[in-house]
C-alpha cells in the first residue's frame, strides 16, 4: 500500500487559529480579546445590579484591575444616554 501525503485541513486550520489566539497582541489587533479571569468576566458581562457582579467588580478593583465603563450610547438605569438629555 502507498502512503497518502494529503493535507489534513481540519488540523491545519485549527493550528492557524490556535497560533492567532495565542500570539495575539491587543495593541496591534483591535479584535484581539484579552483572556479574562472569572471575576473580570463577571464584572464586565454580568447582570447589572446583581450582588455577585458587584462583589466581582470589587475584587477586580482591589486587585488593581480596570473596571468597565459605560459605552457610548448606553443607557443607565434612569434612562439617560451618556449625556443629560433623557430619551
Protein backbone atom coordinates (compact mmCIF):
# COMPACT_ATOMS: atom_id res chain seq x y z
CA UNK A 1 0.00 0.00 0.00
CA UNK A 2 1.06 3.54 -0.65
CA UNK A 3 1.11 6.22 1.98
CA UNK A 4 -1.08 9.24 1.28
CA UNK A 5 0.54 12.67 1.55
CA UNK A 6 -2.64 14.70 1.81
CA UNK A 7 -3.17 17.83 3.88
CA UNK A 8 -5.37 17.34 6.93
CA UNK A 9 -7.24 20.60 6.52
CA UNK A 10 -9.03 20.45 9.88
CA UNK A 11 -5.81 20.17 11.87
CA UNK A 12 -4.13 22.78 9.65
CA UNK A 13 -6.96 25.25 10.22
CA UNK A 14 -7.01 24.54 13.98
CA UNK A 15 -3.25 25.13 14.22
CA UNK A 16 -3.64 28.52 12.49
CA UNK A 17 -6.47 29.56 14.82
CA UNK A 18 -4.53 28.40 17.90
CA UNK A 19 -1.46 30.35 16.73
CA UNK A 20 -3.52 33.51 16.11
CA UNK A 21 -5.19 33.38 19.52
CA UNK A 22 -2.03 32.54 21.49
CA UNK A 23 0.16 35.17 19.77
CA UNK A 24 -2.49 37.87 19.91
CA UNK A 25 -1.36 41.47 20.67
CA UNK A 26 -4.27 43.76 21.69
CA UNK A 27 -2.16 46.84 20.87
CA UNK A 28 -1.90 45.79 17.23
CA UNK A 29 -5.20 44.00 16.65
CA UNK A 30 -8.40 45.54 17.99
CA UNK A 31 -10.24 42.22 17.57
CA UNK A 32 -7.79 40.58 19.96
CA UNK A 33 -9.69 39.81 23.14
CA UNK A 34 -7.59 39.51 26.27
CA UNK A 35 -8.12 36.44 28.42
CA UNK A 36 -10.31 37.41 31.38
CA UNK A 37 -10.37 35.89 34.83
CA UNK A 38 -13.72 34.68 36.15
CA UNK A 39 -14.13 37.87 38.22
CA UNK A 40 -13.20 40.14 35.29
CA UNK A 41 -15.69 38.36 33.02
CA UNK A 42 -18.48 38.55 35.60
CA UNK A 43 -17.75 42.22 36.27
CA UNK A 44 -17.70 43.08 32.55
CA UNK A 45 -20.56 40.92 31.26
CA UNK A 46 -22.65 40.12 34.36
CA UNK A 47 -26.18 41.36 35.06
CA UNK A 48 -26.25 44.93 36.36
CA UNK A 49 -27.32 45.28 39.97
CA UNK A 50 -26.59 41.67 40.86
CA UNK A 51 -24.73 41.14 44.14
CA UNK A 52 -22.36 38.62 42.54
CA UNK A 53 -21.36 41.17 39.88
CA UNK A 54 -20.81 43.90 42.48
CA UNK A 55 -18.60 41.59 44.54
CA UNK A 56 -16.65 40.52 41.45
CA UNK A 57 -16.09 44.18 40.47
CA UNK A 58 -14.84 44.95 43.99
CA UNK A 59 -12.36 42.08 43.78
CA UNK A 60 -11.17 43.29 40.34
CA UNK A 61 -10.78 46.85 41.65
CA UNK A 62 -8.94 45.67 44.79
CA UNK A 63 -6.57 43.60 42.63
CA UNK A 64 -5.74 46.73 40.60
CA UNK A 65 -7.79 45.80 37.53
CA UNK A 66 -9.74 48.20 35.34
CA UNK A 67 -13.49 48.38 35.84
CA UNK A 68 -15.74 48.55 32.77
CA UNK A 69 -17.21 51.95 31.97
CA UNK A 70 -20.35 52.95 30.15
CA UNK A 71 -20.15 52.53 26.40
CA UNK A 72 -21.16 55.31 24.04
CA UNK A 73 -24.92 55.23 23.54
CA UNK A 74 -25.60 53.00 26.56
CA UNK A 75 -28.50 53.90 28.82
CA UNK A 76 -28.13 53.96 32.57
CA UNK A 77 -30.86 52.84 34.98
CA UNK A 78 -32.53 56.28 34.83
CA UNK A 79 -32.87 56.14 31.05
CA UNK A 80 -30.11 58.67 30.29
CA UNK A 81 -27.76 58.10 27.38
CA UNK A 82 -24.24 59.32 28.29
CA UNK A 83 -25.50 62.89 28.43
CA UNK A 84 -28.02 64.96 30.38
CA UNK A 85 -30.85 64.53 27.87
CA UNK A 86 -33.39 61.83 28.72
CA UNK A 87 -34.81 59.81 25.84
